[in-house]
Amino acid sequence: MRVLALCSGGKDSSYALWLAMQEGHEIAHVVAMIPKREDSWMFHYPNIKLIDLFAECAELPLIKAETSGKRGEEIEDLKRVLQELDVEGVVSGAIASTYQKSRIDRICEELGLVSITPLWGKEPLKLLRDFIAAGFEAIITNVAAEGFDEKWLGRKLDEECIDDLMKLNARYKINISAEGGEYETLVTDAPFFKRRIKVEEAKHIWRGTSGYFLIKRAKVVEK
């Protein structure tokens, strides 16, 4: 099908996009919703501006749209974007969040689109390992759960990182795939990238028990 991919540049939406490609779907657009506030219920906020570099690396058409970030309103913001596009389906990276999936499913039903969720219901540990094995590279850009500290900011998501996430899961019961918002990521390289993202300057913003990796300068480079 001709589809669009909802994408923040994070691991889940990027991996879902890749799996949709593997299933033979044509990605007509990458759609990024840009929240006006940090505490968006549906969409990523930290470093969302880097979605331009993501789309450049993937060589996919990008559509950006602002959203209020307010519960209830942001789904209507998304609907206004989707109803203007000539596609048959919507790809999203929902894994276990019924809040996210049910709302995207409802919009798709209203607009006559197919909701495609390649990650839905998958086991979190297997998803992370498959993500890395597929050739993705990502860094942690935000943490907001008990057990995390400032050292996690900017950390590469690799097997060692997964081991440490499993330890936090055992001690604090965090969701290792971050479906509860425990952490957020930025994909810097992917199997479908023609080039990759290089972070050149960043700083840690720490606020007591949470923080984010503010990327001040990044560019697209050759692989």
Protein backbone atom coordinates (compact mmCIF):
# COMPACT_ATOMS: atom_id res chain seq x y z
CA MET A 1 0.00 0.00 0.00
CA ARG A 2 0.88 3.65 -0.33
CA VAL A 3 1.26 4.77 3.29
CA LEU A 4 2.58 7.51 5.51
CA ALA A 5 4.74 6.90 8.57
CA LEU A 6 4.22 8.83 11.78
CA CYS A 7 7.77 9.42 12.92
CA SER A 8 9.56 11.30 15.68
CA GLY A 9 13.05 10.11 14.75
CA GLY A 10 13.00 7.78 17.76
CA LYS A 11 13.58 4.03 17.83
CA ASP A 12 9.99 2.74 17.74
CA SER A 13 8.60 4.86 14.92
CA SER A 14 11.80 4.35 12.90
CA TYR A 15 11.76 0.58 13.34
CA ALA A 16 8.05 0.43 12.45
CA LEU A 17 8.80 2.43 9.29
CA TRP A 18 11.54 -0.04 8.36
CA LEU A 19 9.33 -3.07 8.96
CA ALA A 20 6.59 -1.52 6.84
CA MET A 21 9.14 -1.10 4.05
CA GLN A 22 10.13 -4.75 4.47
CA GLU A 23 6.47 -5.72 4.09
CA GLY A 24 6.43 -3.99 0.70
CA HIS A 25 4.59 -0.77 1.57
CA GLU A 26 5.51 2.44 -0.24
CA ILE A 27 6.37 5.21 2.23
CA ALA A 28 4.85 8.28 0.56
CA HIS A 29 5.49 10.65 3.48
CA VAL A 30 7.10 10.86 6.87
CA VAL A 31 4.76 12.86 9.10
CA ALA A 32 6.16 14.54 12.22
CA MET A 33 3.89 16.24 14.73
CA ILE A 34 5.70 19.05 16.54
CA PRO A 35 4.34 19.63 20.08
CA LYS A 36 4.18 23.16 21.46
CA ARG A 37 4.81 21.81 24.96
CA GLU A 38 7.15 19.29 26.58
CA ASP A 39 4.42 17.19 28.21
CA SER A 40 2.67 16.05 25.04
CA TRP A 41 0.55 12.93 25.57
CA MET A 42 1.12 11.52 22.10
CA PHE A 43 4.27 12.93 20.52
CA HIS A 44 7.97 13.31 21.33
CA TYR A 45 9.31 16.74 22.24
CA PRO A 46 13.11 16.59 22.89
CA ASN A 47 15.11 17.18 19.69
CA ILE A 48 12.10 16.82 17.39
CA LYS A 49 13.69 19.54 15.25
CA LEU A 50 16.19 16.92 14.07
CA ILE A 51 13.44 15.16 12.12
CA ASP A 52 14.58 17.27 9.15
CA LEU A 53 17.97 15.54 9.25
CA PHE A 54 16.26 12.16 9.68
CA ALA A 55 14.18 12.70 6.54
CA GLU A 56 17.23 13.92 4.65
CA CYS A 57 19.15 10.77 5.58
CA ALA A 58 16.22 8.57 4.61
CA GLU A 59 15.52 10.58 1.44
CA LEU A 60 11.80 10.55 2.22
CA PRO A 61 9.35 13.46 1.84
CA LEU A 62 8.71 15.10 5.22
CA ILE A 63 5.54 16.79 6.42
CA LYS A 64 5.72 18.70 9.70
CA ALA A 65 2.70 19.98 11.57
CA GLU A 66 2.30 21.73 14.91
CA THR A 67 0.17 20.23 17.64
CA SER A 68 -1.00 21.76 20.90
CA GLY A 69 0.33 18.79 22.85
CA LYS A 70 -2.82 18.87 24.96
CA ARG A 71 -4.68 15.67 25.72
CA GLY A 72 -7.61 15.30 23.34
CA GLU A 73 -6.62 18.19 21.10
CA GLU A 74 -3.45 16.70 19.63
CA ILE A 75 -5.31 13.79 18.05
CA GLU A 76 -7.53 16.28 16.21
CA ASP A 77 -4.38 18.09 15.07
CA LEU A 78 -3.17 14.81 13.61
CA LYS A 79 -6.49 14.11 11.92
CA ARG A 80 -6.38 17.45 10.11
CA VAL A 81 -3.01 16.50 8.62
CA LEU A 82 -3.94 12.96 7.61
CA GLN A 83 -7.18 13.86 5.86
CA GLU A 84 -5.26 16.02 3.37
CA LEU A 85 -2.94 13.23 2.18
CA ASP A 86 -3.44 10.73 -0.62
CA VAL A 87 -2.48 7.50 1.15
CA GLU A 88 -4.08 4.19 2.05
CA GLY A 89 -2.59 3.58 5.47
CA VAL A 90 -0.77 4.98 8.49
CA VAL A 91 2.30 3.35 10.07
CA SER A 92 2.94 3.98 13.76
CA GLY A 93 5.34 2.61 16.36
CA ALA A 94 2.92 1.67 19.12
CA ILE A 95 4.04 -1.36 21.12
CA ALA A 96 1.70 -1.61 24.10
CA SER A 97 0.17 1.84 24.60
CA THR A 98 -3.56 1.46 24.08
CA TYR A 99 -3.90 5.23 24.55
CA GLN A 100 -1.80 5.85 21.45
CA LYS A 101 -2.97 2.94 19.32
CA SER A 102 -6.70 3.30 19.99
CA ARG A 103 -6.66 6.96 18.98
CA ILE A 104 -4.71 6.38 15.79
CA ASP A 105 -6.97 3.41 14.97
CA ARG A 106 -10.05 5.61 15.45
CA ILE A 107 -8.74 8.34 13.16
CA CYS A 108 -7.83 5.78 10.50
CA GLU A 109 -11.31 4.27 10.69
CA GLU A 110 -12.92 7.69 10.34
CA LEU A 111 -10.76 8.52 7.32
CA GLY A 112 -10.97 5.11 5.66
CA LEU A 113 -7.30 4.33 6.23
CA VAL A 114 -5.56 1.16 7.42
CA SER A 115 -3.70 1.42 10.74
CA ILE A 116 -0.39 -0.45 10.46
CA THR A 117 1.39 -1.23 13.74
CA PRO A 118 4.29 -3.64 13.07
CA LEU A 119 5.54 -3.52 16.68
CA TRP A 120 2.22 -4.01 18.44
CA GLY A 121 2.24 -6.70 21.13
CA LYS A 122 5.88 -7.67 20.54
CA GLU A 123 8.09 -8.66 23.48
CA PRO A 124 10.13 -5.58 24.51
CA LEU A 125 13.51 -7.28 24.98
CA LYS A 126 13.28 -9.05 21.62
CA LEU A 127 12.26 -5.78 19.95
CA LEU A 128 15.32 -3.96 21.27
CA ARG A 129 17.69 -6.73 20.24
CA ASP A 130 16.11 -7.07 16.80
CA PHE A 131 16.34 -3.29 16.39
CA ILE A 132 20.10 -3.36 17.00
CA ALA A 133 20.62 -6.51 14.93
CA ALA A 134 18.88 -4.83 11.97
CA GLY A 135 21.61 -2.20 11.89
CA PHE A 136 19.99 0.72 13.68
CA GLU A 137 22.01 3.10 15.82
CA ALA A 138 20.33 5.31 18.42
CA ILE A 139 21.15 7.41 21.45
CA ILE A 140 19.09 8.16 24.57
CA THR A 141 17.87 11.75 24.54
CA ASN A 142 15.55 11.85 27.54
CA VAL A 143 15.09 9.96 30.81
CA ALA A 144 12.20 10.29 33.24
CA ALA A 145 11.92 7.34 35.60
CA GLU A 146 13.32 6.09 38.89
CA GLY A 147 16.76 4.54 38.52
CA PHE A 148 17.98 6.73 35.66
CA ASP A 149 20.60 9.41 36.20
CA GLU A 150 22.38 12.01 34.10
CA LYS A 151 24.91 9.46 32.80
CA TRP A 152 22.21 7.93 30.60
CA LEU A 153 21.85 11.09 28.52
CA GLY A 154 23.49 10.68 25.12
CA ARG A 155 24.20 7.02 25.74
CA LYS A 156 24.25 4.67 22.74
CA LEU A 157 21.53 2.04 22.70
CA ASP A 158 23.57 -1.17 22.44
CA GLU A 159 23.73 -4.58 24.10
CA GLU A 160 25.47 -3.18 27.19
CA CYS A 161 22.77 -0.54 27.46
CA ILE A 162 20.07 -3.21 27.16
CA ASP A 163 21.69 -5.18 29.99
CA ASP A 164 21.53 -2.09 32.20
CA LEU A 165 17.91 -1.48 31.22
CA MET A 166 17.11 -5.03 32.29
CA LYS A 167 18.70 -4.31 35.69
CA LEU A 168 16.51 -1.24 36.07
CA ASN A 169 13.52 -3.32 35.08
CA ALA A 170 14.34 -5.89 37.76
CA ARG A 171 14.80 -3.24 40.44
CA TYR A 172 12.31 -0.51 39.51
CA LYS A 173 9.96 -2.32 37.11
CA ILE A 174 10.56 0.12 34.26
CA ASN A 175 9.40 -0.87 30.79
CA ILE A 176 12.63 -1.57 28.90
CA SER A 177 11.09 -0.46 25.61
CA ALA A 178 10.03 2.83 27.28
CA GLU A 179 6.31 2.53 26.54
CA GLY A 180 5.70 4.36 29.80
CA GLY A 181 7.85 7.31 28.76
CA GLU A 182 10.84 6.13 30.81
CA TYR A 183 13.24 7.30 28.11
CA GLU A 184 13.29 8.60 24.54
CA THR A 185 15.75 8.08 21.73
CA LEU A 186 17.10 9.56 18.52
CA VAL A 187 18.02 7.28 15.61
CA THR A 188 21.33 8.41 14.10
CA ASP A 189 21.64 5.60 11.55
CA ALA A 190 19.24 3.08 10.05
CA PRO A 191 19.22 0.38 7.35
CA PHE A 192 17.16 2.69 5.10
CA PHE A 193 19.41 5.73 5.63
CA LYS A 194 21.53 6.81 2.67
CA ARG A 195 23.60 8.92 5.08
CA ARG A 196 23.64 9.27 8.85
CA ILE A 197 23.27 11.92 11.55
CA LYS A 198 26.36 13.11 13.42
CA VAL A 199 25.87 14.99 16.69
CA GLU A 200 28.48 17.74 16.95
CA GLU A 201 27.43 19.64 20.05
CA ALA A 202 25.05 18.80 22.89
CA LYS A 203 24.45 19.56 26.55
CA HIS A 204 22.76 17.82 29.46
CA ILE A 205 19.67 19.45 30.94
CA TRP A 206 18.99 17.84 34.32
CA ARG A 207 16.01 18.64 36.53
CA GLY A 208 16.20 16.69 39.76
CA THR A 209 15.02 13.24 38.70
CA SER A 210 14.74 13.65 34.93
CA GLY A 211 16.55 15.30 32.07
CA TYR A 212 17.25 15.44 28.39
CA PHE A 213 20.15 15.51 25.98
CA LEU A 214 19.78 18.82 24.18
CA ILE A 215 21.41 18.57 20.77
CA LYS A 216 22.58 22.04 19.82
CA ARG A 217 24.31 21.15 16.56
CA ALA A 218 24.14 18.12 14.28
CA LYS A 219 24.65 17.43 10.60
CA VAL A 220 24.19 14.79 7.92
CA VAL A 221 27.38 12.95 6.98
CA GLU A 222 28.35 10.06 4.75
CA LYS A 223 28.26 6.55 6.21
